[in-house]
Structures are given as C-alpha cells and as structure tokens.
C-alpha cells in the first residue's frame, strides 16, 4: 500500500515553484508553507483556496481532502489510506 501523497510537495518537487515563490504568491508565511510542503501541517479551507489560486489551480482545494490523497491498490478496489 502506498502512502498518501502531498499535493503541494509534488508541485514543488516537479519544479513549478519554490517554497518562497509559493509563500509570496499565496500571502502565507514562508515557514508555514514549509510545514505544508513537508506535511507537518494541513491547510484550512481559506489557506487551501489561497494555495489553489497561487498554483493556478494545479493544487486545488479538493486535493487536501483525505480521499483525494489515497491511492487505489488496484483499479477494481477502493482507495486505501
């Protein structure tokens, strides 16, 4: 079984933006963005909306729900977390 993915970590790792760029674009503190990227914090709805806007929709609000982060173990089975 795979671990849940962090949509913001993936966005940064793929080189779309740095943590500093995300902080500036979203209006969030750099240290808070770092905690979101590492997964030690999860955003509230307003913060998730700011991230969605800063990423041009690449990391939507819905990406932060637990079900969206689960990966199915096979196409025929439901997602597991």
Protein backbone atom coordinates (compact mmCIF):
# COMPACT_ATOMS: atom_id res chain seq x y z
CA UNK A 1 0.00 0.00 0.00
CA UNK A 2 1.30 3.47 -0.89
CA UNK A 3 1.46 6.40 1.47
CA UNK A 4 -0.89 9.34 0.87
CA UNK A 5 0.63 11.91 -1.42
CA UNK A 6 1.18 15.54 -0.54
CA UNK A 7 -0.07 17.63 -3.48
CA UNK A 8 1.99 20.68 -2.56
CA UNK A 9 5.20 18.67 -2.10
CA UNK A 10 4.67 17.14 -5.54
CA UNK A 11 4.09 20.62 -7.04
CA UNK A 12 7.35 21.94 -5.56
CA UNK A 13 9.32 18.79 -6.39
CA UNK A 14 8.23 19.00 -10.02
CA UNK A 15 9.79 22.47 -10.14
CA UNK A 16 6.64 24.53 -10.68
CA UNK A 17 7.58 26.95 -7.89
CA UNK A 18 9.85 27.26 -4.89
CA UNK A 19 8.56 27.45 -1.35
CA UNK A 20 9.48 31.13 -1.29
CA UNK A 21 7.55 31.79 -4.50
CA UNK A 22 4.52 29.97 -3.11
CA UNK A 23 4.67 31.99 0.10
CA UNK A 24 4.79 35.25 -1.81
CA UNK A 25 2.07 34.28 -4.29
CA UNK A 26 -0.30 32.96 -1.62
CA UNK A 27 0.33 35.58 1.05
CA UNK A 28 1.36 32.90 3.54
CA UNK A 29 4.39 32.90 5.81
CA UNK A 30 7.38 31.05 4.36
CA UNK A 31 7.69 28.87 7.47
CA UNK A 32 4.03 27.84 7.19
CA UNK A 33 4.44 26.95 3.51
CA UNK A 34 7.44 24.82 4.50
CA UNK A 35 5.29 22.96 7.04
CA UNK A 36 2.58 22.41 4.42
CA UNK A 37 5.12 21.08 1.92
CA UNK A 38 6.66 18.68 4.44
CA UNK A 39 3.23 17.51 5.55
CA UNK A 40 3.56 18.53 9.19
CA UNK A 41 0.55 20.84 8.74
CA UNK A 42 -2.63 20.66 6.69
CA UNK A 43 -4.32 23.83 5.46
CA UNK A 44 -7.74 25.08 6.41
CA UNK A 45 -10.20 25.91 3.66
CA UNK A 46 -9.08 29.55 3.29
CA UNK A 47 -5.42 28.57 3.10
CA UNK A 48 -6.19 25.77 0.63
CA UNK A 49 -8.04 28.32 -1.52
CA UNK A 50 -5.01 30.66 -1.42
CA UNK A 51 -2.78 27.75 -2.49
CA UNK A 52 -5.15 26.85 -5.32
CA UNK A 53 -5.02 30.44 -6.57
CA UNK A 54 -1.22 30.68 -6.19
CA UNK A 55 -0.71 27.44 -8.13
CA UNK A 56 -3.14 28.38 -10.89
CA UNK A 57 -5.40 25.51 -9.91
CA UNK A 58 -2.66 22.87 -10.04
CA UNK A 59 -3.17 22.16 -6.32
CA UNK A 60 -6.94 22.54 -5.87
CA UNK A 61 -8.75 22.76 -2.56
CA UNK A 62 -10.10 19.26 -3.15
CA UNK A 63 -6.54 17.87 -3.22
CA UNK A 64 -6.32 18.36 0.54
CA UNK A 65 -9.20 16.05 1.39
CA UNK A 66 -8.15 12.68 2.74
CA UNK A 67 -9.96 10.75 -0.01
CA UNK A 68 -8.17 12.70 -2.73
CA UNK A 69 -4.79 11.70 -1.28
CA UNK A 70 -5.47 7.98 -1.22
CA UNK A 71 -4.19 5.74 -3.97
CA UNK A 72 -6.15 2.67 -5.07
CA UNK A 73 -4.24 -0.57 -4.65
CA UNK A 74 -5.79 -1.80 -7.91
CA UNK A 75 -8.23 -0.30 -10.44
CA UNK A 76 -11.03 -2.55 -9.17
CA UNK A 77 -10.60 -1.80 -5.46
CA UNK A 78 -11.50 1.31 -3.49
CA UNK A 79 -8.70 3.68 -2.40
CA UNK A 80 -6.87 2.83 0.82
CA UNK A 81 -5.11 5.24 3.12
